[in-house]
Every structure is written in C-alpha cells, then in structure tokens.
Amino acid sequence: MKIRLSKYDENWVQMFNAEALILRGIFGDEIIKFEHFGSTAVPGMKAKPVIDMMCLVKDIKKIDSFNEQMLSLGYNVVGEWGIEGRRLFRKGGEKRTHHIHVYQQDNLHIQRHLVLRDYLRAHPDEAARYTSLKEELAQRYDDTAFYSKAKKPFVEELEQRALIWNKNLQV
C-alpha cells in the first residue's frame, strides 16, 4: 500500500468522535472508553490520514463475537496482528480511514501508546523530528510494510524517552 502523508487536519478529531459513536453502538456496554492516538492525535504533525483509535473493553474475548457487525461496517477483521491480547480492525481497504485497536483495560500496551501520544503533544520538537523521518521514509519506500519497519527503531527510542518522561511526571 502506497504511503500517503498528510498535513495535520483538524477534521481528524471529528472523524475519531464520529466513529466512536458508531462503535459504541456496536460494542455497547463492553466499552470502557475510546482514545485517539497515533500521529493523527498530535496537532501539527504530518501523518498517514488513518485515524488510530484505541477501544478499551472489559473482556477482550467477547470482542470476537462482534466480527460480523464490524465486517458489515466495512472493517477488515485482522485479529491480534502481532500484539497479544489486541483485536485490530481496519476500515477503508487501500485507502484506509480507521484502525481500531481493541484492548482489554489491563493490557500492558495501552500505556505505551498513550504516553507516546502525550509526549509528542508536549514536545513539538520531537514531533517535528518524527515528522521529518516519516517524510524521508515516505520518499524512500512505496510500501507501508517497509516504511513501518524502517521507522520502528526510531519509534522504539521515542517510546523509551516518553516512558521516562512520564515516569518523571509521576514523581
């Protein structure tokens, strides 16, 4: 899939909110809360125009029973997709619009995603560095799989700085 980077779009927040309403209608009482994360959740940052949504639920095992409803809304049902305890749904085919990452409320990956988002919001210089890397990689790679693999070491270092930053805030 070709990498599409877009300037920050304030409509991304509305897209998140609109989809959250639809998903609340599907998952109902299983939902604890929704979080907008990833680059589209960081004002001013360039991003692939795909809304990353985190859906925190009471019981991850119950989520599989909603697969048919998600398919009817145009979502691909992807399963764990490399992260144990997650359920991933992707909407939009080749022109994806949303990724829904469903986690049980006690999953260890939740903090990593949210702390990185908050760190980038609080550190525009880091967001700018990350944007520059993404622009460079988008020029180099046509395929999102190679693009994602190439940025992974930078993102892992960024996550570590974010976790240290967050830990220092708690003191």
Protein backbone atom coordinates (compact mmCIF):
# COMPACT_ATOMS: atom_id res chain seq x y z
CA MET A 1 0.00 0.00 0.00
CA LYS A 2 1.39 3.42 -1.02
CA ILE A 3 2.35 5.76 1.81
CA ARG A 4 0.12 8.83 1.97
CA LEU A 5 1.36 11.53 4.35
CA SER A 6 -0.91 14.48 5.01
CA LYS A 7 -0.55 17.73 6.90
CA TYR A 8 -2.36 17.76 10.23
CA ASP A 9 -6.10 18.03 9.65
CA GLU A 10 -8.39 19.28 12.41
CA ASN A 11 -11.14 17.07 10.91
CA TRP A 12 -9.30 14.04 12.27
CA VAL A 13 -10.72 14.77 15.73
CA GLN A 14 -14.26 14.85 14.31
CA MET A 15 -13.60 11.61 12.39
CA PHE A 16 -12.49 10.00 15.66
CA ASN A 17 -15.58 11.23 17.53
CA ALA A 18 -17.99 10.15 14.78
CA GLU A 19 -16.52 6.65 14.60
CA ALA A 20 -16.54 6.34 18.39
CA LEU A 21 -20.32 6.93 18.34
CA ILE A 22 -20.80 4.22 15.72
CA LEU A 23 -18.58 1.77 17.60
CA ARG A 24 -20.33 2.43 20.90
CA GLY A 25 -23.50 1.32 19.13
CA ILE A 26 -21.79 -1.95 18.13
CA PHE A 27 -19.86 -2.85 21.29
CA GLY A 28 -22.31 -1.30 23.78
CA ASP A 29 -21.56 -1.98 27.43
CA GLU A 30 -18.28 -3.75 26.65
CA ILE A 31 -16.72 -0.31 26.02
CA ILE A 32 -14.94 1.41 28.87
CA LYS A 33 -13.57 4.29 26.79
CA PHE A 34 -12.06 5.36 23.49
CA GLU A 35 -8.70 7.05 22.98
CA HIS A 36 -7.41 8.80 19.85
CA PHE A 37 -3.71 8.01 19.50
CA GLY A 38 -1.00 7.86 16.87
CA SER A 39 0.14 10.74 14.70
CA THR A 40 -3.38 11.94 13.79
CA ALA A 41 -3.85 12.67 17.51
CA VAL A 42 -0.86 15.05 17.65
CA PRO A 43 -1.75 18.59 16.48
CA GLY A 44 0.64 19.90 13.85
CA MET A 45 2.13 16.52 12.98
CA LYS A 46 2.08 15.04 9.49
CA ALA A 47 0.52 11.60 9.38
CA LYS A 48 -0.90 8.91 7.21
CA PRO A 49 -4.56 10.02 7.21
CA VAL A 50 -5.69 6.95 9.13
CA ILE A 51 -7.35 7.51 12.49
CA ASP A 52 -5.86 5.22 15.15
CA MET A 53 -8.46 4.55 17.78
CA MET A 54 -7.96 2.63 20.97
CA CYS A 55 -11.03 0.95 22.33
CA LEU A 56 -10.66 -0.19 25.94
CA VAL A 57 -13.02 -3.01 26.84
CA LYS A 58 -13.93 -5.12 29.84
CA ASP A 59 -13.31 -8.54 28.25
CA ILE A 60 -11.25 -8.92 25.05
CA LYS A 61 -12.58 -12.44 24.44
CA LYS A 62 -16.10 -11.09 23.91
CA ILE A 63 -14.94 -8.81 21.08
CA ASP A 64 -14.65 -11.66 18.57
CA SER A 65 -18.44 -12.05 18.73
CA PHE A 66 -18.76 -8.63 17.04
CA ASN A 67 -16.72 -9.55 13.94
CA GLU A 68 -19.74 -9.89 11.63
CA GLN A 69 -21.05 -6.48 12.65
CA MET A 70 -17.63 -4.92 12.06
CA LEU A 71 -17.46 -6.56 8.63
CA SER A 72 -20.87 -5.06 7.79
CA LEU A 73 -19.44 -1.59 8.58
CA GLY A 74 -16.60 -2.12 6.10
CA TYR A 75 -13.94 -3.18 8.58
CA ASN A 76 -11.41 -5.95 7.92
CA VAL A 77 -11.14 -8.23 10.93
CA VAL A 78 -7.41 -8.71 11.47
CA GLY A 79 -7.17 -10.35 14.91
CA GLU A 80 -4.16 -9.83 17.17
CA TRP A 81 -1.84 -8.81 14.27
CA GLY A 82 1.37 -9.28 16.26
CA ILE A 83 0.26 -7.87 19.61
CA GLU A 84 -1.02 -10.44 22.06
CA GLY A 85 -4.37 -9.55 23.56
CA ARG A 86 -5.28 -6.98 20.91
CA ARG A 87 -8.02 -7.12 18.28
CA LEU A 88 -7.38 -4.96 15.22
CA PHE A 89 -9.99 -3.79 12.74
CA ARG A 90 -9.09 -1.78 9.60
CA LYS A 91 -11.56 0.27 7.56
CA GLY A 92 -11.21 1.58 4.02
CA GLY A 93 -9.21 -1.06 2.15
CA GLU A 94 -6.36 0.51 0.13
CA LYS A 95 -7.50 4.00 1.21
CA ARG A 96 -7.79 3.23 4.90
CA THR A 97 -9.54 5.68 7.14
CA HIS A 98 -9.52 3.99 10.57
CA HIS A 99 -7.62 1.43 12.59
CA ILE A 100 -9.46 0.23 15.69
CA HIS A 101 -7.12 -1.27 18.29
CA VAL A 102 -9.21 -3.05 20.91
CA TYR A 103 -7.52 -3.86 24.21
CA GLN A 104 -8.79 -5.24 27.47
CA GLN A 105 -8.50 -2.50 30.09
CA ASP A 106 -5.48 -4.10 31.81
CA ASN A 107 -3.33 -4.70 28.69
CA LEU A 108 0.28 -3.51 29.09
CA HIS A 109 0.42 -1.98 25.57
CA ILE A 110 -2.14 0.71 26.41
CA GLN A 111 0.24 2.89 28.40
CA ARG A 112 2.96 2.72 25.73
CA HIS A 113 0.61 4.12 23.07
CA LEU A 114 -0.93 6.82 25.22
CA VAL A 115 2.30 8.00 26.81
CA LEU A 116 3.89 8.37 23.36
CA ARG A 117 0.92 10.44 22.18
CA ASP A 118 1.09 12.68 25.26
CA TYR A 119 4.87 13.03 24.96
CA LEU A 120 4.64 14.15 21.32
CA ARG A 121 1.90 16.63 22.21
CA ALA A 122 4.10 18.07 24.97
CA HIS A 123 7.32 18.06 22.89
CA PRO A 124 6.75 19.70 19.48
CA ASP A 125 10.47 19.39 18.70
CA GLU A 126 10.21 15.59 18.96
CA ALA A 127 7.04 15.61 16.86
CA ALA A 128 8.92 17.63 14.22
CA ARG A 129 11.84 15.15 14.23
CA TYR A 130 9.41 12.27 13.85
CA THR A 131 7.61 14.07 11.01
CA SER A 132 10.94 14.65 9.21
CA LEU A 133 11.78 10.97 9.45
CA LYS A 134 8.36 9.98 8.13
CA GLU A 135 8.72 12.36 5.18
CA GLU A 136 12.15 10.95 4.35
CA LEU A 137 10.94 7.36 4.58
CA ALA A 138 7.81 8.07 2.52
CA GLN A 139 10.11 9.27 -0.28
CA ARG A 140 12.26 6.16 0.02
CA TYR A 141 9.57 3.47 0.33
CA ASP A 142 6.41 2.83 -1.67
CA ASP A 143 5.12 0.10 0.60
CA THR A 144 3.81 0.68 4.13
CA ALA A 145 5.36 -2.57 5.37
CA PHE A 146 8.89 -1.36 4.52
CA TYR A 147 8.09 2.17 5.71
CA SER A 148 6.84 0.87 9.08
CA LYS A 149 9.82 -1.43 9.53
CA ALA A 150 12.25 1.41 8.73
CA LYS A 151 10.76 3.77 11.31
CA LYS A 152 10.44 1.13 14.05
CA PRO A 153 13.88 1.73 15.71
CA PHE A 154 13.22 5.48 15.91
CA VAL A 155 9.73 4.90 17.35
CA GLU A 156 11.07 2.44 19.94
CA GLU A 157 13.66 5.02 21.11
CA LEU A 158 10.96 7.68 21.17
CA GLU A 159 8.74 5.41 23.27
CA GLN A 160 11.56 4.90 25.76
CA ARG A 161 12.08 8.67 26.12
CA ALA A 162 8.31 9.07 26.50
CA LEU A 163 8.12 6.42 29.23
CA ILE A 164 10.99 8.05 31.16
CA TRP A 165 9.31 11.44 30.75
CA ASN A 166 6.03 10.02 32.04
CA LYS A 167 7.74 8.33 34.99
CA ASN A 168 9.35 11.64 35.95
CA LEU A 169 5.94 13.34 35.82
CA GLN A 170 4.62 10.81 38.35
CA VAL A 171 7.33 11.63 40.91
